[in-house]
Amino acid sequence: MVTKPSRRSFLTGRRTPATPWGTFCARLSRTCLGRVRWDESQETMQAWLEPAREGDLTHAFALCREFGVQYLLADSDGRPDPGRGALWVSARAPWATVVAVDAAQTLWRADAGCLLGALQGLGIASLDMADPEQTVAQWVASRGCGRWPTGQCDLSGIVQLQAVLADGTTEVLGPFGATAQAPLQSLATQRIIPKLFELAHSAPVEQGMAAAIWPLRFRLDALRPKAPSEPNLAWLFIGHGGALGWVQTVWFAATGRTIVGAGGPSDAAIGMSQRSAENFSDALSIPFASIDRSVKQILDPSGVFGSVSE
């Protein structure tokens, strides 16, 4: 017996089964007010979001976790892992603001979507030579921001930052010593920190502390700063390429002084320091890449934020 197609199927045609990627893109487009576009190819599976409100970021991150799509900072040197869908999220935020925290204007709170041009001239020496068209998030993630001398991440001017971590926890990360004022909010974060400190005091990192310029991508020396600075969890994100979390807010100290090479070392200096770090690694046979992978595994074991260029 031959089954005839129904009148409905004749009029509308047989629907192609939705793929997880197609479903993700459709839901992203429905829930976000900002501009959403995606590559129709099922092979590349890449999408882009220009958020119009803070809620767009919340919805997009939740969808990425639900569908296993990686959440990447646009215009960073992060990269998606092979076979994973990727959502590139613009760091620019129409709602972003910069406000003084104290009456003396020695501390400034900046949303990560603020342009550096709005911060320059406020006495934050580390930003003097930075690109005014970069956002705070892009600058924090950049290699230039990550090339401060070993043990001197305080030169970045960053006091603390708020970030969304891989498990969806939002944490304010800052000084982790006698002057620490805010306890970590989640049990997950409290479990992460001892692992990072243990790694920061491992033999390879011990040797890396002897380098003038920090030879790893991720700044474990944030937990071993030069005196009088105390360990600061925010400095782990300096130069992280967007691979450790999604930065939401940064607090900057206004030093009122000039730092040579403010804004991070020049491209030429970065290249020289990179070669110096590679030579240093070769000379000591230190598996720096494996240390960076360990940091990534501790903070983002499921690869929510993608990988970072070596």
Protein backbone atom coordinates (compact mmCIF):
# COMPACT_ATOMS: atom_id res chain seq x y z
CA MET A 1 0.00 0.00 0.00
CA VAL A 2 1.39 3.40 -0.99
CA THR A 3 0.91 6.18 1.55
CA LYS A 4 -0.06 9.45 -0.02
CA PRO A 5 1.43 12.64 1.38
CA SER A 6 -0.92 14.80 3.39
CA ARG A 7 -2.29 18.03 1.99
CA ARG A 8 -0.20 19.94 4.60
CA SER A 9 3.07 18.33 3.53
CA PHE A 10 2.19 18.97 -0.12
CA LEU A 11 1.68 22.70 0.53
CA THR A 12 4.57 23.35 2.88
CA GLY A 13 7.11 20.78 1.75
CA ARG A 14 8.96 18.38 4.00
CA ARG A 15 10.92 20.29 6.67
CA THR A 16 14.63 19.66 6.95
CA PRO A 17 15.52 18.46 10.46
CA ALA A 18 17.05 21.30 12.48
CA THR A 19 20.72 20.90 13.42
CA PRO A 20 21.99 21.87 16.89
CA TRP A 21 23.98 24.70 15.27
CA GLY A 22 20.94 25.98 13.39
CA THR A 23 18.84 25.82 16.53
CA PHE A 24 21.52 27.71 18.47
CA CYS A 25 21.66 30.50 15.88
CA ALA A 26 17.88 30.78 15.68
CA ARG A 27 17.49 31.04 19.44
CA LEU A 28 20.38 33.50 19.67
CA SER A 29 18.70 35.72 17.09
CA ARG A 30 15.36 35.57 18.93
CA THR A 31 16.68 36.34 22.40
CA CYS A 32 19.23 39.10 21.64
CA LEU A 33 18.28 42.67 20.72
CA GLY A 34 21.70 43.35 19.23
CA ARG A 35 22.88 42.40 15.76
CA VAL A 36 23.35 38.66 15.25
CA ARG A 37 24.77 37.05 12.14
CA TRP A 38 26.20 33.64 11.38
CA ASP A 39 27.90 31.60 8.74
CA GLU A 40 25.37 29.36 7.06
CA SER A 41 28.02 26.69 6.49
CA GLN A 42 27.71 23.77 8.85
CA GLU A 43 31.45 23.20 8.49
CA THR A 44 32.68 26.47 10.02
CA MET A 45 29.89 27.05 12.59
CA GLN A 46 30.80 30.64 13.47
CA ALA A 47 28.46 33.41 14.60
CA TRP A 48 28.89 37.06 15.63
CA LEU A 49 27.07 39.18 18.19
CA GLU A 50 27.08 42.95 18.63
CA PRO A 51 25.20 43.33 21.93
CA ALA A 52 22.69 46.13 22.39
CA ARG A 53 22.14 45.54 26.11
CA GLU A 54 23.80 43.72 28.96
CA GLY A 55 21.08 41.07 28.82
CA ASP A 56 22.30 40.03 25.36
CA LEU A 57 25.54 38.86 26.93
CA THR A 58 23.71 36.88 29.61
CA HIS A 59 21.43 35.14 27.09
CA ALA A 60 24.27 34.43 24.67
CA PHE A 61 26.51 32.95 27.36
CA ALA A 62 23.72 30.69 28.64
CA LEU A 63 23.03 29.46 25.10
CA CYS A 64 26.71 28.81 24.48
CA ARG A 65 26.94 26.65 27.58
CA GLU A 66 23.73 24.81 26.66
CA PHE A 67 24.87 23.99 23.12
CA GLY A 68 28.61 23.62 23.75
CA VAL A 69 29.42 26.66 21.59
CA GLN A 70 32.55 28.58 22.53
CA TYR A 71 32.17 32.17 23.73
CA LEU A 72 34.98 34.26 22.22
CA LEU A 73 36.06 37.89 22.55
CA ALA A 74 35.93 39.52 19.12
CA ASP A 75 39.14 41.16 17.88
CA SER A 76 41.28 39.11 20.25
CA ASP A 77 43.84 36.43 19.45
CA GLY A 78 41.63 33.72 20.90
CA ARG A 79 40.58 30.94 18.57
CA PRO A 80 37.88 28.26 18.49
CA ASP A 81 38.82 24.63 18.96
CA PRO A 82 38.45 22.32 15.93
CA GLY A 83 34.95 20.96 15.56
CA ARG A 84 33.41 23.42 18.04
CA GLY A 85 30.92 26.13 17.17
CA ALA A 86 32.10 29.64 18.01
CA LEU A 87 30.29 32.86 18.92
CA TRP A 88 32.43 35.98 18.52
CA VAL A 89 31.11 38.67 20.88
CA SER A 90 31.94 42.33 20.39
CA ALA A 91 33.49 43.98 23.43
CA ARG A 92 31.86 47.33 22.64
CA ALA A 93 28.92 48.10 24.90
CA PRO A 94 26.59 51.11 24.42
CA TRP A 95 25.73 51.01 28.14
CA ALA A 96 29.36 51.10 29.36
CA THR A 97 30.36 53.78 31.86
CA VAL A 98 33.44 55.06 33.72
CA VAL A 99 32.97 56.37 37.27
CA ALA A 100 35.26 57.51 40.08
CA VAL A 101 35.05 55.23 43.10
CA ASP A 102 36.39 57.74 45.63
CA ALA A 103 36.18 61.50 46.05
CA ALA A 104 39.91 61.91 45.44
CA GLN A 105 39.55 60.10 42.09
CA THR A 106 42.40 57.70 42.83
CA LEU A 107 40.33 54.68 41.78
CA TRP A 108 38.17 54.38 38.68
CA ARG A 109 35.59 51.73 37.81
CA ALA A 110 35.28 51.05 34.08
CA ASP A 111 32.93 48.69 32.30
CA ALA A 112 34.83 46.38 29.97
CA GLY A 113 33.04 47.83 26.94
CA CYS A 114 34.40 51.33 27.52
CA LEU A 115 36.83 52.74 24.99
CA LEU A 116 40.26 53.52 26.41
CA GLY A 117 39.89 57.05 25.07
CA ALA A 118 37.32 57.65 27.81
CA LEU A 119 39.88 56.61 30.43
CA GLN A 120 43.00 58.27 29.13
CA GLY A 121 43.84 61.46 30.92
CA LEU A 122 42.42 60.27 34.23
CA GLY A 123 45.86 59.59 35.67
CA ILE A 124 46.00 55.91 34.74
CA ALA A 125 49.59 55.84 33.53
CA SER A 126 49.43 52.36 32.03
CA LEU A 127 46.92 53.54 29.41
CA ASP A 128 48.77 56.65 28.22
CA MET A 129 50.13 55.09 25.02
CA ALA A 130 47.34 52.57 24.40
CA ASP A 131 45.02 52.68 21.39
CA PRO A 132 42.08 54.93 22.38
CA GLU A 133 39.77 52.89 20.11
CA GLN A 134 40.42 49.68 22.02
CA THR A 135 37.92 48.64 24.65
CA VAL A 136 39.02 47.87 28.19
CA ALA A 137 38.29 44.18 27.55
CA GLN A 138 40.42 44.12 24.41
CA TRP A 139 43.31 45.88 26.14
CA VAL A 140 43.26 43.56 29.16
CA ALA A 141 43.23 40.53 26.85
CA SER A 142 46.00 41.80 24.55
CA ARG A 143 49.59 40.60 24.48
CA GLY A 144 50.72 44.18 25.03
CA CYS A 145 48.94 44.30 28.38
CA GLY A 146 50.54 40.99 29.32
CA ARG A 147 54.17 42.00 28.82
CA TRP A 148 54.94 43.76 32.08
CA PRO A 149 58.20 42.72 33.81
CA THR A 150 58.06 39.56 35.88
CA GLY A 151 56.43 40.12 39.25
CA GLN A 152 55.31 43.65 38.35
CA CYS A 153 51.75 43.26 37.12
CA ASP A 154 50.88 46.24 39.31
CA LEU A 155 52.26 48.42 36.50
CA SER A 156 49.08 47.60 34.58
CA GLY A 157 47.16 49.86 36.95
CA ILE A 158 44.57 47.13 37.46
CA VAL A 159 43.39 46.82 41.07
CA GLN A 160 40.60 44.29 40.63
CA LEU A 161 38.17 43.06 38.01
CA GLN A 162 34.84 41.32 37.72
CA ALA A 163 34.59 38.38 35.36
CA VAL A 164 32.22 35.62 34.36
CA LEU A 165 34.03 32.30 34.77
CA ALA A 166 33.51 29.09 32.83
CA ASP A 167 30.91 27.67 35.22
CA GLY A 168 28.79 30.82 34.95
CA THR A 169 29.97 32.23 38.27
CA THR A 170 30.48 36.00 38.39
CA GLU A 171 33.40 36.89 40.66
CA VAL A 172 35.22 40.05 41.67
CA LEU A 173 38.91 39.12 41.67
CA GLY A 174 41.50 41.28 43.36
CA PRO A 175 44.12 41.37 46.11
CA PHE A 176 44.53 38.02 47.83
CA GLY A 177 46.47 38.92 50.92
CA ALA A 178 46.24 40.87 54.15
CA THR A 179 44.45 43.78 52.46
CA ALA A 180 41.83 41.63 50.71
CA GLN A 181 38.39 43.00 51.54
CA ALA A 182 35.94 40.86 49.57
CA PRO A 183 35.79 37.07 50.01
CA LEU A 184 35.34 34.87 46.96
CA GLN A 185 31.64 34.25 46.41
CA SER A 186 31.48 30.72 45.04
CA LEU A 187 32.74 27.39 46.30
CA ALA A 188 33.90 26.60 42.77
CA THR A 189 36.22 29.62 42.75
CA GLN A 190 37.46 28.81 46.24
CA ARG A 191 38.49 25.37 44.97
CA ILE A 192 40.28 26.85 41.95
CA ILE A 193 42.54 29.24 43.85
CA PRO A 194 44.61 26.65 45.81
CA LYS A 195 45.33 24.83 42.52
CA LEU A 196 46.60 28.03 40.96
CA PHE A 197 48.83 28.82 43.94
CA GLU A 198 50.23 25.29 43.87
CA LEU A 199 51.02 25.68 40.16
CA ALA A 200 52.53 29.12 40.76
CA HIS A 201 55.03 27.57 43.18
CA SER A 202 55.93 24.60 40.97
CA ALA A 203 59.54 24.08 39.86
CA PRO A 204 59.08 25.32 36.26
CA VAL A 205 57.40 28.53 37.38
CA GLU A 206 60.09 28.96 40.03
CA GLN A 207 62.66 29.10 37.21
CA GLY A 208 60.43 31.31 35.09
CA MET A 209 60.38 33.90 37.88
CA ALA A 210 64.07 34.52 37.10
CA ALA A 211 63.22 35.93 33.64
CA ALA A 212 63.12 39.71 33.27
CA ILE A 213 60.04 39.48 31.04
CA TRP A 214 57.41 36.92 32.01
CA PRO A 215 57.91 33.94 29.64
CA LEU A 216 54.42 32.38 29.92
CA ARG A 217 51.19 33.56 28.34
CA PHE A 218 49.14 33.40 31.54
CA ARG A 219 50.45 35.54 34.39
CA LEU A 220 50.99 33.13 37.26
CA ASP A 221 53.45 35.65 38.65
CA ALA A 222 50.30 37.54 39.70
CA LEU A 223 50.38 35.21 42.69
CA ARG A 224 54.08 35.89 43.33
CA PRO A 225 54.53 39.65 42.90
CA LYS A 226 57.54 41.66 43.96
CA ALA A 227 57.25 43.41 47.32
CA PRO A 228 55.44 45.43 48.48
CA SER A 229 52.64 44.17 46.21
CA GLU A 230 50.43 41.32 47.37
CA PRO A 231 49.11 38.47 45.22
CA ASN A 232 46.26 39.70 43.05
CA LEU A 233 43.88 37.33 41.26
CA ALA A 234 42.85 40.03 38.77
CA TRP A 235 46.36 40.04 37.29
CA LEU A 236 45.89 36.45 36.12
CA PHE A 237 43.74 37.94 33.33
CA ILE A 238 46.39 40.37 32.07
CA GLY A 239 47.11 39.36 28.46
CA HIS A 240 44.84 36.29 28.69
CA GLY A 241 43.53 36.61 25.13
CA GLY A 242 39.96 36.12 26.31
CA ALA A 243 40.69 32.47 27.09
CA LEU A 244 40.20 32.45 30.88
CA GLY A 245 36.88 34.24 31.34
CA TRP A 246 34.68 37.11 30.21
CA VAL A 247 35.81 40.38 31.81
CA GLN A 248 32.89 42.64 32.75
CA THR A 249 34.39 45.44 34.84
CA VAL A 250 37.89 46.68 35.72
CA TRP A 251 39.00 48.93 38.57
CA PHE A 252 42.05 51.07 37.75
CA ALA A 253 44.35 52.98 40.11
CA ALA A 254 45.20 56.52 39.05
CA THR A 255 48.89 56.82 39.86
CA GLY A 256 49.48 60.37 38.63
CA ARG A 257 52.90 59.33 37.31
CA THR A 258 54.31 58.37 33.93
CA ILE A 259 55.41 54.84 33.18
CA VAL A 260 57.91 54.37 30.39
CA GLY A 261 56.16 52.32 27.73
CA ALA A 262 52.73 52.92 29.26
CA GLY A 263 49.96 51.06 27.47
CA GLY A 264 52.17 48.00 27.39
CA PRO A 265 55.47 47.52 25.58
CA SER A 266 55.66 48.35 21.88
CA ASP A 267 55.18 45.67 19.20
CA ALA A 268 58.94 45.57 18.70
CA ALA A 269 59.51 45.14 22.43
CA ILE A 270 56.89 42.40 22.53
CA GLY A 271 58.68 40.58 19.72
CA MET A 272 62.02 40.92 21.49
CA SER A 273 60.59 39.79 24.80
CA GLN A 274 58.88 36.85 23.09
CA ARG A 275 62.19 35.73 21.57
CA SER A 276 63.90 36.29 24.92
CA ALA A 277 61.28 34.16 26.64
CA GLU A 278 61.63 31.41 24.04
CA ASN A 279 65.41 31.43 24.42
CA PHE A 280 65.03 31.39 28.18
CA SER A 281 62.66 28.43 27.92
CA ASP A 282 64.99 26.55 25.60
CA ALA A 283 67.98 27.19 27.83
CA LEU A 284 66.25 25.82 30.92
CA SER A 285 64.14 23.18 29.12
CA ILE A 286 61.04 24.54 30.82
CA PRO A 287 57.71 23.20 29.43
CA PHE A 288 56.08 26.63 29.43
CA ALA A 289 53.32 25.57 27.03
CA SER A 290 52.30 22.81 29.42
CA ILE A 291 52.11 25.30 32.30
CA ASP A 292 49.81 27.54 30.25
CA ARG A 293 47.66 24.53 29.43
CA SER A 294 47.46 23.72 33.13
CA VAL A 295 46.22 27.23 33.93
CA LYS A 296 43.61 26.92 31.19
CA GLN A 297 42.53 23.50 32.49
CA ILE A 298 42.09 24.85 36.02
CA LEU A 299 40.03 27.89 35.02
CA ASP A 300 38.22 26.61 31.92
CA PRO A 301 38.33 22.79 31.79
CA SER A 302 35.54 22.47 29.20
CA GLY A 303 36.90 25.14 26.87
CA VAL A 304 33.97 27.54 27.19
CA PHE A 305 36.17 30.47 26.12
CA GLY A 306 38.18 28.76 23.37
CA SER A 307 41.94 28.57 23.09
CA VAL A 308 44.58 31.25 22.85
CA SER A 309 47.34 31.72 20.32
CA GLU A 310 50.73 30.56 21.56
